[in-house]
Amino acid sequence: GQATPDQLAKFIGQAEMQPGQGIVLQGGQWRTVAGLMPSGIQASNLRSALQTAGYPAEVISKSGKFEVRINQLATREDAEAVLKRLQANAALGVTDGRVALASN
């Protein structure tokens, strides 16, 4: 079909990525840490739940524990937005968490 210029502008505004809303991009320097688990099984379960919900989560072994994280977020604001969404979804079980630069 055909769209009016106003309809097209509205559609583009809805589909366009908005900075600070959770943009993941190759080379992104920020991460959201969804949890630090004592066992690999717990970490795998959280990773699976996050992946099922559409998040590119992974598990990293860190000092004898297992960190579940979402990497390559564009900005600190994007990482914070993702953390807030995770915490708002009680079904995911993310009750704490943090954001960090990729080197941390």
PDB file of N, CA and C in Angstrom:
ATOM      1  N   GLY A   1       0.816  -1.177   0.000  1.00  0.00           N
ATOM      2  CA  GLY A   1       0.000   0.000   0.000  1.00  0.00           C
ATOM      3  C   GLY A   1       0.865   1.247   0.000  1.00  0.00           C
ATOM      4  N   GLN A   2       0.187   2.324  -0.029  1.00  0.00           N
ATOM      5  CA  GLN A   2       0.876   3.604  -0.019  1.00  0.00           C
ATOM      6  C   GLN A   2       0.636   4.294   1.313  1.00  0.00           C
ATOM      7  N   ALA A   3       1.635   5.021   1.751  1.00  0.00           N
ATOM      8  CA  ALA A   3       1.549   5.750   3.012  1.00  0.00           C
ATOM      9  C   ALA A   3       1.712   7.238   2.751  1.00  0.00           C
ATOM     10  N   THR A   4       1.044   8.017   3.553  1.00  0.00           N
ATOM     11  CA  THR A   4       1.236   9.464   3.473  1.00  0.00           C
ATOM     12  C   THR A   4       2.584   9.788   4.109  1.00  0.00           C
ATOM     13  N   PRO A   5       3.114  10.960   3.844  1.00  0.00           N
ATOM     14  CA  PRO A   5       4.379  11.348   4.488  1.00  0.00           C
ATOM     15  C   PRO A   5       4.298  11.293   6.020  1.00  0.00           C
ATOM     16  N   ASP A   6       3.155  11.675   6.585  1.00  0.00           N
ATOM     17  CA  ASP A   6       2.996  11.615   8.047  1.00  0.00           C
ATOM     18  C   ASP A   6       3.007  10.173   8.546  1.00  0.00           C
ATOM     19  N   GLN A   7       2.327   9.280   7.834  1.00  0.00           N
ATOM     20  CA  GLN A   7       2.323   7.873   8.220  1.00  0.00           C
ATOM     21  C   GLN A   7       3.720   7.276   8.116  1.00  0.00           C
ATOM     22  N   LEU A   8       4.439   7.616   7.067  1.00  0.00           N
ATOM     23  CA  LEU A   8       5.793   7.122   6.879  1.00  0.00           C
ATOM     24  C   LEU A   8       6.707   7.622   8.000  1.00  0.00           C
ATOM     25  N   ALA A   9       6.613   8.893   8.341  1.00  0.00           N
ATOM     26  CA  ALA A   9       7.436   9.450   9.419  1.00  0.00           C
ATOM     27  C   ALA A   9       7.135   8.759  10.752  1.00  0.00           C
ATOM     28  N   LYS A  10       5.868   8.473  10.999  1.00  0.00           N
ATOM     29  CA  LYS A  10       5.487   7.780  12.237  1.00  0.00           C
ATOM     30  C   LYS A  10       6.077   6.369  12.258  1.00  0.00           C
ATOM     31  N   PHE A  11       5.984   5.658  11.150  1.00  0.00           N
ATOM     32  CA  PHE A  11       6.527   4.312  11.078  1.00  0.00           C
ATOM     33  C   PHE A  11       8.037   4.316  11.285  1.00  0.00           C
ATOM     34  N   ILE A  12       8.735   5.210  10.627  1.00  0.00           N
ATOM     35  CA  ILE A  12      10.189   5.287  10.758  1.00  0.00           C
ATOM     36  C   ILE A  12      10.562   5.589  12.208  1.00  0.00           C
ATOM     37  N   GLY A  13       9.830   6.477  12.837  1.00  0.00           N
ATOM     38  CA  GLY A  13      10.087   6.812  14.241  1.00  0.00           C
ATOM     39  C   GLY A  13       9.900   5.622  15.169  1.00  0.00           C
ATOM     40  N   GLN A  14       8.967   4.740  14.850  1.00  0.00           N
ATOM     41  CA  GLN A  14       8.726   3.559  15.676  1.00  0.00           C
ATOM     42  C   GLN A  14       9.786   2.491  15.442  1.00  0.00           C
ATOM     43  N   ALA A  15      10.295   2.389  14.220  1.00  0.00           N
ATOM     44  CA  ALA A  15      11.235   1.326  13.873  1.00  0.00           C
ATOM     45  C   ALA A  15      12.689   1.716  14.105  1.00  0.00           C
ATOM     46  N   GLU A  16      12.960   2.992  14.181  1.00  0.00           N
ATOM     47  CA  GLU A  16      14.331   3.466  14.307  1.00  0.00           C
ATOM     48  C   GLU A  16      14.878   3.168  15.701  1.00  0.00           C
ATOM     49  N   MET A  17      16.147   2.746  15.772  1.00  0.00           N
ATOM     50  CA  MET A  17      16.781   2.504  17.065  1.00  0.00           C
ATOM     51  C   MET A  17      16.961   3.830  17.782  1.00  0.00           C
ATOM     52  N   GLN A  18      16.611   3.831  19.055  1.00  0.00           N
ATOM     53  CA  GLN A  18      16.726   5.034  19.853  1.00  0.00           C
ATOM     54  C   GLN A  18      17.902   4.898  20.819  1.00  0.00           C
ATOM     55  N   PRO A  19      18.852   5.832  20.794  1.00  0.00           N
ATOM     56  CA  PRO A  19      19.972   5.768  21.734  1.00  0.00           C
ATOM     57  C   PRO A  19      19.469   5.708  23.172  1.00  0.00           C
ATOM     58  N   GLY A  20      20.163   4.919  23.986  1.00  0.00           N
ATOM     59  CA  GLY A  20      19.792   4.799  25.390  1.00  0.00           C
ATOM     60  C   GLY A  20      18.673   3.824  25.660  1.00  0.00           C
ATOM     61  N   GLN A  21      18.266   3.054  24.661  1.00  0.00           N
ATOM     62  CA  GLN A  21      17.157   2.114  24.838  1.00  0.00           C
ATOM     63  C   GLN A  21      17.592   0.658  24.733  1.00  0.00           C
ATOM     64  N   GLY A  22      18.909   0.413  24.671  1.00  0.00           N
ATOM     65  CA  GLY A  22      19.379  -0.959  24.638  1.00  0.00           C
ATOM     66  C   GLY A  22      19.991  -1.377  23.320  1.00  0.00           C
ATOM     67  N   ILE A  23      20.653  -0.467  22.638  1.00  0.00           N
ATOM     68  CA  ILE A  23      21.249  -0.786  21.340  1.00  0.00           C
ATOM     69  C   ILE A  23      22.485  -1.658  21.536  1.00  0.00           C
ATOM     70  N   VAL A  24      22.480  -2.798  20.864  1.00  0.00           N
ATOM     71  CA  VAL A  24      23.636  -3.700  20.834  1.00  0.00           C
ATOM     72  C   VAL A  24      24.275  -3.543  19.467  1.00  0.00           C
ATOM     73  N   LEU A  25      25.604  -3.346  19.448  1.00  0.00           N
ATOM     74  CA  LEU A  25      26.285  -3.251  18.170  1.00  0.00           C
ATOM     75  C   LEU A  25      27.677  -3.839  18.283  1.00  0.00           C
ATOM     76  N   GLN A  26      28.157  -4.374  17.186  1.00  0.00           N
ATOM     77  CA  GLN A  26      29.485  -4.961  17.183  1.00  0.00           C
ATOM     78  C   GLN A  26      30.491  -3.900  17.599  1.00  0.00           C
ATOM     79  N   GLY A  27      31.315  -4.227  18.581  1.00  0.00           N
ATOM     80  CA  GLY A  27      32.291  -3.277  19.091  1.00  0.00           C
ATOM     81  C   GLY A  27      31.762  -2.405  20.210  1.00  0.00           C
ATOM     82  N   GLY A  28      30.512  -2.616  20.629  1.00  0.00           N
ATOM     83  CA  GLY A  28      29.955  -1.854  21.745  1.00  0.00           C
ATOM     84  C   GLY A  28      30.799  -2.060  22.998  1.00  0.00           C
ATOM     85  N   GLN A  29      31.017  -1.013  23.756  1.00  0.00           N
ATOM     86  CA  GLN A  29      31.952  -1.054  24.876  1.00  0.00           C
ATOM     87  C   GLN A  29      31.309  -1.291  26.246  1.00  0.00           C
ATOM     88  N   TRP A  30      30.003  -1.448  26.305  1.00  0.00           N
ATOM     89  CA  TRP A  30      29.326  -1.606  27.593  1.00  0.00           C
ATOM     90  C   TRP A  30      28.653  -2.959  27.683  1.00  0.00           C
ATOM     91  N   ARG A  31      28.437  -3.412  28.917  1.00  0.00           N
ATOM     92  CA  ARG A  31      27.746  -4.678  29.141  1.00  0.00           C
ATOM     93  C   ARG A  31      26.789  -4.525  30.315  1.00  0.00           C
ATOM     94  N   THR A  32      25.776  -5.376  30.293  1.00  0.00           N
ATOM     95  CA  THR A  32      24.871  -5.534  31.426  1.00  0.00           C
ATOM     96  C   THR A  32      25.187  -6.881  32.040  1.00  0.00           C
ATOM     97  N   VAL A  33      25.483  -6.877  33.328  1.00  0.00           N
ATOM     98  CA  VAL A  33      25.714  -8.121  34.058  1.00  0.00           C
ATOM     99  C   VAL A  33      24.414  -8.444  34.776  1.00  0.00           C
ATOM    100  N   ALA A  34      23.761  -9.516  34.333  1.00  0.00           N
ATOM    101  CA  ALA A  34      22.456  -9.886  34.887  1.00  0.00           C
ATOM    102  C   ALA A  34      22.585 -10.649  36.193  1.00  0.00           C
ATOM    103  N   GLY A  35      23.716 -11.301  36.412  1.00  0.00           N
ATOM    104  CA  GLY A  35      23.897 -12.036  37.656  1.00  0.00           C
ATOM    105  C   GLY A  35      25.261 -12.680  37.747  1.00  0.00           C
ATOM    106  N   LEU A  36      25.692 -12.905  38.973  1.00  0.00           N
ATOM    107  CA  LEU A  36      26.914 -13.632  39.275  1.00  0.00           C
ATOM    108  C   LEU A  36      26.487 -14.847  40.086  1.00  0.00           C
ATOM    109  N   MET A  37      26.593 -16.016  39.495  1.00  0.00           N
ATOM    110  CA  MET A  37      26.039 -17.237  40.077  1.00  0.00           C
ATOM    111  C   MET A  37      27.139 -18.139  40.634  1.00  0.00           C
ATOM    112  N   PRO A  38      26.816 -18.864  41.712  1.00  0.00           N
ATOM    113  CA  PRO A  38      27.805 -19.788  42.277  1.00  0.00           C
ATOM    114  C   PRO A  38      27.982 -21.067  41.474  1.00  0.00           C
ATOM    115  N   SER A  39      27.004 -21.409  40.628  1.00  0.00           N
ATOM    116  CA  SER A  39      27.129 -22.647  39.856  1.00  0.00           C
ATOM    117  C   SER A  39      26.867 -22.401  38.377  1.00  0.00           C
ATOM    118  N   GLY A  40      27.512 -23.234  37.569  1.00  0.00           N
ATOM    119  CA  GLY A  40      27.318 -23.155  36.132  1.00  0.00           C
ATOM    120  C   GLY A  40      25.904 -23.491  35.712  1.00  0.00           C
ATOM    121  N   ILE A  41      25.247 -24.380  36.457  1.00  0.00           N
ATOM    122  CA  ILE A  41      23.866 -24.758  36.127  1.00  0.00           C
ATOM    123  C   ILE A  41      22.937 -23.563  36.311  1.00  0.00           C
ATOM    124  N   GLN A  42      23.090 -22.837  37.423  1.00  0.00           N
ATOM    125  CA  GLN A  42      22.259 -21.651  37.652  1.00  0.00           C
ATOM    126  C   GLN A  42      22.496 -20.609  36.562  1.00  0.00           C
ATOM    127  N   ALA A  43      23.765 -20.407  36.212  1.00  0.00           N
ATOM    128  CA  ALA A  43      24.104 -19.431  35.182  1.00  0.00           C
ATOM    129  C   ALA A  43      23.521 -19.843  33.836  1.00  0.00           C
ATOM    130  N   SER A  44      23.605 -21.132  33.514  1.00  0.00           N
ATOM    131  CA  SER A  44      23.045 -21.622  32.249  1.00  0.00           C
ATOM    132  C   SER A  44      21.535 -21.444  32.201  1.00  0.00           C
ATOM    133  N   ASN A  45      20.889 -21.660  33.330  1.00  0.00           N
ATOM    134  CA  ASN A  45      19.435 -21.479  33.382  1.00  0.00           C
ATOM    135  C   ASN A  45      19.053 -20.020  33.142  1.00  0.00           C
ATOM    136  N   LEU A  46      19.791 -19.100  33.777  1.00  0.00           N
ATOM    137  CA  LEU A  46      19.501 -17.681  33.566  1.00  0.00           C
ATOM    138  C   LEU A  46      19.811 -17.290  32.125  1.00  0.00           C
ATOM    139  N   ARG A  47      20.942 -17.753  31.605  1.00  0.00           N
ATOM    140  CA  ARG A  47      21.281 -17.455  30.208  1.00  0.00           C
ATOM    141  C   ARG A  47      20.180 -17.933  29.269  1.00  0.00           C
ATOM    142  N   SER A  48      19.694 -19.140  29.485  1.00  0.00           N
ATOM    143  CA  SER A  48      18.630 -19.686  28.626  1.00  0.00           C
ATOM    144  C   SER A  48      17.369 -18.850  28.718  1.00  0.00           C
ATOM    145  N   ALA A  49      17.004 -18.438  29.927  1.00  0.00           N
ATOM    146  CA  ALA A  49      15.806 -17.602  30.105  1.00  0.00           C
ATOM    147  C   ALA A  49      15.968 -16.277  29.365  1.00  0.00           C
ATOM    148  N   LEU A  50      17.148 -15.676  29.471  1.00  0.00           N
ATOM    149  CA  LEU A  50      17.389 -14.402  28.792  1.00  0.00           C
ATOM    150  C   LEU A  50      17.385 -14.579  27.277  1.00  0.00           C
ATOM    151  N   GLN A  51      18.003 -15.650  26.797  1.00  0.00           N
ATOM    152  CA  GLN A  51      18.012 -15.894  25.355  1.00  0.00           C
ATOM    153  C   GLN A  51      16.605 -16.156  24.828  1.00  0.00           C
ATOM    154  N   THR A  52      15.812 -16.884  25.576  1.00  0.00           N
ATOM    155  CA  THR A  52      14.423 -17.138  25.178  1.00  0.00           C
ATOM    156  C   THR A  52      13.648 -15.822  25.087  1.00  0.00           C
ATOM    157  N   ALA A  53      13.990 -14.876  25.979  1.00  0.00           N
ATOM    158  CA  ALA A  53      13.333 -13.567  25.969  1.00  0.00           C
ATOM    159  C   ALA A  53      13.917 -12.643  24.901  1.00  0.00           C
ATOM    160  N   GLY A  54      14.922 -13.122  24.155  1.00  0.00           N
ATOM    161  CA  GLY A  54      15.455 -12.339  23.046  1.00  0.00           C
ATOM    162  C   GLY A  54      16.747 -11.591  23.329  1.00  0.00           C
ATOM    163  N   TYR A  55      17.380 -11.847  24.459  1.00  0.00           N
ATOM    164  CA  TYR A  55      18.626 -11.170  24.800  1.00  0.00           C
ATOM    165  C   TYR A  55      19.827 -12.052  24.429  1.00  0.00           C
ATOM    166  N   PRO A  56      20.887 -11.473  23.860  1.00  0.00           N
ATOM    167  CA  PRO A  56      22.065 -12.260  23.488  1.00  0.00           C
ATOM    168  C   PRO A  56      22.984 -12.506  24.691  1.00  0.00           C
ATOM    169  N   ALA A  57      22.486 -13.246  25.668  1.00  0.00           N
ATOM    170  CA  ALA A  57      23.220 -13.478  26.908  1.00  0.00           C
ATOM    171  C   ALA A  57      24.267 -14.565  26.742  1.00  0.00           C
ATOM    172  N   GLU A  58      25.316 -14.450  27.532  1.00  0.00           N
ATOM    173  CA  GLU A  58      26.349 -15.479  27.567  1.00  0.00           C
ATOM    174  C   GLU A  58      26.842 -15.634  29.000  1.00  0.00           C
ATOM    175  N   VAL A  59      27.552 -16.729  29.259  1.00  0.00           N
ATOM    176  CA  VAL A  59      28.093 -17.024  30.578  1.00  0.00           C
ATOM    177  C   VAL A  59      29.613 -16.999  30.490  1.00  0.00           C
ATOM    178  N   ILE A  60      30.233 -16.343  31.468  1.00  0.00           N
ATOM    179  CA  ILE A  60      31.683 -16.271  31.568  1.00  0.00           C
ATOM    180  C   ILE A  60      32.077 -16.740  32.972  1.00  0.00           C
ATOM    181  N   SER A  61      33.057 -17.628  33.048  1.00  0.00           N
ATOM    182  CA  SER A  61      33.586 -18.049  34.338  1.00  0.00           C
ATOM    183  C   SER A  61      34.486 -16.940  34.866  1.00  0.00           C
ATOM    184  N   LYS A  62      34.242 -16.543  36.127  1.00  0.00           N
ATOM    185  CA  LYS A  62      34.981 -15.416  36.689  1.00  0.00           C
ATOM    186  C   LYS A  62      35.243 -15.665  38.170  1.00  0.00           C
ATOM    187  N   SER A  63      36.485 -15.878  38.523  1.00  0.00           N
ATOM    188  CA  SER A  63      36.898 -16.070  39.918  1.00  0.00           C
ATOM    189  C   SER A  63      36.097 -17.161  40.616  1.00  0.00           C
ATOM    190  N   GLY A  64      35.902 -18.280  39.957  1.00  0.00           N
ATOM    191  CA  GLY A  64      35.190 -19.398  40.560  1.00  0.00           C
ATOM    192  C   GLY A  64      33.676 -19.278  40.539  1.00  0.00           C
ATOM    193  N   LYS A  65      33.165 -18.211  39.977  1.00  0.00           N
ATOM    194  CA  LYS A  65      31.722 -18.023  39.837  1.00  0.00           C
ATOM    195  C   LYS A  65      31.409 -17.871  38.357  1.00  0.00           C
ATOM    196  N   PHE A  66      30.130 -17.692  38.053  1.00  0.00           N
ATOM    197  CA  PHE A  66      29.701 -17.634  36.661  1.00  0.00           C
ATOM    198  C   PHE A  66      28.866 -16.374  36.445  1.00  0.00           C
ATOM    199  N   GLU A  67      29.380 -15.506  35.576  1.00  0.00           N
ATOM    200  CA  GLU A  67      28.731 -14.228  35.294  1.00  0.00           C
ATOM    201  C   GLU A  67      27.873 -14.361  34.043  1.00  0.00           C
ATOM    202  N   VAL A  68      26.625 -13.959  34.164  1.00  0.00           N
ATOM    203  CA  VAL A  68      25.709 -13.949  33.027  1.00  0.00           C
ATOM    204  C   VAL A  68      25.639 -12.505  32.546  1.00  0.00           C
ATOM    205  N   ARG A  69      25.974 -12.308  31.282  1.00  0.00           N
ATOM    206  CA  ARG A  69      26.074 -10.933  30.784  1.00  0.00           C
ATOM    207  C   ARG A  69      25.543 -10.787  29.365  1.00  0.00           C
ATOM    208  N   ILE A  70      25.236  -9.543  29.058  1.00  0.00           N
ATOM    209  CA  ILE A  70      24.856  -9.150  27.705  1.00  0.00           C
ATOM    210  C   ILE A  70      25.893  -8.122  27.276  1.00  0.00           C
ATOM    211  N   ASN A  71      26.668  -8.476  26.275  1.00  0.00           N
ATOM    212  CA  ASN A  71      27.797  -7.660  25.833  1.00  0.00           C
ATOM    213  C   ASN A  71      27.440  -6.775  24.643  1.00  0.00           C
ATOM    214  N   GLN A  72      28.390  -5.910  24.329  1.00  0.00           N
ATOM    215  CA  GLN A  72      28.383  -5.070  23.130  1.00  0.00           C
ATOM    216  C   GLN A  72      27.243  -4.057  23.089  1.00  0.00           C
ATOM    217  N   LEU A  73      26.901  -3.516  24.242  1.00  0.00           N
ATOM    218  CA  LEU A  73      25.925  -2.434  24.265  1.00  0.00           C
ATOM    219  C   LEU A  73      26.640  -1.135  23.905  1.00  0.00           C
ATOM    220  N   ALA A  74      25.958  -0.279  23.175  1.00  0.00           N
ATOM    221  CA  ALA A  74      26.587   0.908  22.594  1.00  0.00           C
ATOM    222  C   ALA A  74      27.040   1.921  23.639  1.00  0.00           C
ATOM    223  N   THR A  75      26.213   2.187  24.646  1.00  0.00           N
ATOM    224  CA  THR A  75      26.524   3.217  25.644  1.00  0.00           C
ATOM    225  C   THR A  75      26.140   2.726  27.032  1.00  0.00           C
ATOM    226  N   ARG A  76      26.593   3.462  28.029  1.00  0.00           N
ATOM    227  CA  ARG A  76      26.201   3.153  29.409  1.00  0.00           C
ATOM    228  C   ARG A  76      24.673   3.222  29.539  1.00  0.00           C
ATOM    229  N   GLU A  77      24.070   4.209  28.900  1.00  0.00           N
ATOM    230  CA  GLU A  77      22.612   4.366  28.960  1.00  0.00           C
ATOM    231  C   GLU A  77      21.905   3.152  28.364  1.00  0.00           C
ATOM    232  N   ASP A  78      22.453   2.600  27.287  1.00  0.00           N
ATOM    233  CA  ASP A  78      21.874   1.395  26.695  1.00  0.00           C
ATOM    234  C   ASP A  78      21.970   0.224  27.672  1.00  0.00           C
ATOM    235  N   ALA A  79      23.120   0.067  28.325  1.00  0.00           N
ATOM    236  CA  ALA A  79      23.307  -1.012  29.298  1.00  0.00           C
ATOM    237  C   ALA A  79      22.356  -0.847  30.479  1.00  0.00           C
ATOM    238  N   GLU A  80      22.178   0.376  30.958  1.00  0.00           N
ATOM    239  CA  GLU A  80      21.263   0.641  32.073  1.00  0.00           C
ATOM    240  C   GLU A  80      19.816   0.361  31.674  1.00  0.00           C
ATOM    241  N   ALA A  81      19.461   0.717  30.450  1.00  0.00           N
ATOM    242  CA  ALA A  81      18.094   0.460  29.970  1.00  0.00           C
ATOM    243  C   ALA A  81      17.816  -1.034  29.911  1.00  0.00           C
ATOM    244  N   VAL A  82      18.788  -1.815  29.454  1.00  0.00           N
ATOM    245  CA  VAL A  82      18.611  -3.267  29.398  1.00  0.00           C
ATOM    246  C   VAL A  82      18.464  -3.822  30.818  1.00  0.00           C
ATOM    247  N   LEU A  83      19.309  -3.372  31.733  1.00  0.00           N
ATOM    248  CA  LEU A  83      19.223  -3.847  33.119  1.00  0.00           C
ATOM    249  C   LEU A  83      17.853  -3.538  33.722  1.00  0.00           C
ATOM    250  N   LYS A  84      17.346  -2.348  33.488  1.00  0.00           N
ATOM    251  CA  LYS A  84      16.023  -1.985  34.011  1.00  0.00           C
ATOM    252  C   LYS A  84      14.932  -2.883  33.433  1.00  0.00           C
ATOM    253  N   ARG A  85      15.015  -3.197  32.134  1.00  0.00           N
ATOM    254  CA  ARG A  85      14.018  -4.086  31.519  1.00  0.00           C
ATOM    255  C   ARG A  85      14.108  -5.494  32.106  1.00  0.00           C
ATOM    256  N   LEU A  86      15.331  -5.976  32.320  1.00  0.00           N
ATOM    257  CA  LEU A  86      15.494  -7.307  32.910  1.00  0.00           C
ATOM    258  C   LEU A  86      14.896  -7.352  34.314  1.00  0.00           C
ATOM    259  N   GLN A  87      15.184  -6.335  35.118  1.00  0.00           N
ATOM    260  CA  GLN A  87      14.680  -6.289  36.487  1.00  0.00           C
ATOM    261  C   GLN A  87      13.164  -6.125  36.537  1.00  0.00           C
ATOM    262  N   ALA A  88      12.593  -5.469  35.544  1.00  0.00           N
ATOM    263  CA  ALA A  88      11.143  -5.249  35.511  1.00  0.00           C
ATOM    264  C   ALA A  88      10.374  -6.509  35.147  1.00  0.00           C
ATOM    265  N   ASN A  89      11.040  -7.482  34.533  1.00  0.00           N
ATOM    266  CA  ASN A  89      10.392  -8.724  34.122  1.00  0.00           C
ATOM    267  C   ASN A  89      10.650  -9.783  35.194  1.00  0.00           C
ATOM    268  N   ALA A  90       9.749  -9.905  36.146  1.00  0.00           N
ATOM    269  CA  ALA A  90       9.926 -10.818  37.278  1.00  0.00           C
ATOM    270  C   ALA A  90      10.148 -12.264  36.841  1.00  0.00           C
ATOM    271  N   ALA A  91       9.602 -12.653  35.703  1.00  0.00           N
ATOM    272  CA  ALA A  91       9.751 -14.026  35.219  1.00  0.00           C
ATOM    273  C   ALA A  91      11.202 -14.380  34.922  1.00  0.00           C
ATOM    274  N   LEU A  92      12.042 -13.384  34.641  1.00  0.00           N
ATOM    275  CA  LEU A  92      13.444 -13.641  34.341  1.00  0.00           C
ATOM    276  C   LEU A  92      14.276 -13.883  35.602  1.00  0.00           C
ATOM    277  N   GLY A  93      13.837 -13.346  36.722  1.00  0.00           N
ATOM    278  CA  GLY A  93      14.547 -13.561  37.977  1.00  0.00           C
ATOM    279  C   GLY A  93      15.800 -12.731  38.168  1.00  0.00           C
ATOM    280  N   VAL A  94      15.915 -11.621  37.452  1.00  0.00           N
ATOM    281  CA  VAL A  94      17.075 -10.734  37.619  1.00  0.00           C
ATOM    282  C   VAL A  94      16.695  -9.694  38.673  1.00  0.00           C
ATOM    283  N   THR A  95      17.223  -9.886  39.890  1.00  0.00           N
ATOM    284  CA  THR A  95      16.854  -8.981  40.975  1.00  0.00           C
ATOM    285  C   THR A  95      17.903  -7.917  41.248  1.00  0.00           C
ATOM    286  N   ASP A  96      19.140  -8.194  40.879  1.00  0.00           N
ATOM    287  CA  ASP A  96      20.176  -7.179  41.010  1.00  0.00           C
ATOM    288  C   ASP A  96      20.872  -7.058  39.667  1.00  0.00           C
ATOM    289  N   GLY A  97      22.140  -6.893  39.632  1.00  0.00           N
ATOM    290  CA  GLY A  97      22.857  -6.730  38.377  1.00  0.00           C
ATOM    291  C   GLY A  97      23.598  -5.424  38.389  1.00  0.00           C
ATOM    292  N   ARG A  98      24.336  -5.210  37.318  1.00  0.00           N
ATOM    293  CA  ARG A  98      25.126  -3.979  37.205  1.00  0.00           C
ATOM    294  C   ARG A  98      25.470  -3.757  35.747  1.00  0.00           C
ATOM    295  N   VAL A  99      25.979  -2.577  35.470  1.00  0.00           N
ATOM    296  CA  VAL A  99      26.524  -2.274  34.144  1.00  0.00           C
ATOM    297  C   VAL A  99      28.007  -2.035  34.293  1.00  0.00           C
ATOM    298  N   ALA A 100      28.761  -2.311  33.238  1.00  0.00           N
ATOM    299  CA  ALA A 100      30.207  -2.156  33.302  1.00  0.00           C
ATOM    300  C   ALA A 100      30.769  -1.919  31.901  1.00  0.00           C
ATOM    301  N   LEU A 101      31.929  -1.277  31.872  1.00  0.00           N
ATOM    302  CA  LEU A 101      32.676  -1.192  30.625  1.00  0.00           C
ATOM    303  C   LEU A 101      33.154  -2.581  30.261  1.00  0.00           C
ATOM    304  N   ALA A 102      33.331  -2.845  29.004  1.00  0.00           N
ATOM    305  CA  ALA A 102      33.706  -4.176  28.536  1.00  0.00           C
ATOM    306  C   ALA A 102      35.016  -4.659  29.125  1.00  0.00           C
ATOM    307  N   SER A 103      35.893  -3.771  29.510  1.00  0.00           N
ATOM    308  CA  SER A 103      37.193  -4.168  30.071  1.00  0.00           C
ATOM    309  C   SER A 103      37.108  -4.522  31.548  1.00  0.00           C
ATOM    310  N   ASN A 104      35.940  -4.331  32.192  1.00  0.00           N
ATOM    311  CA  ASN A 104      35.801  -4.601  33.633  1.00  0.00           C
ATOM    312  C   ASN A 104      35.152  -5.928  33.886  1.00  0.00           C
TER     313      ASN A 104
END
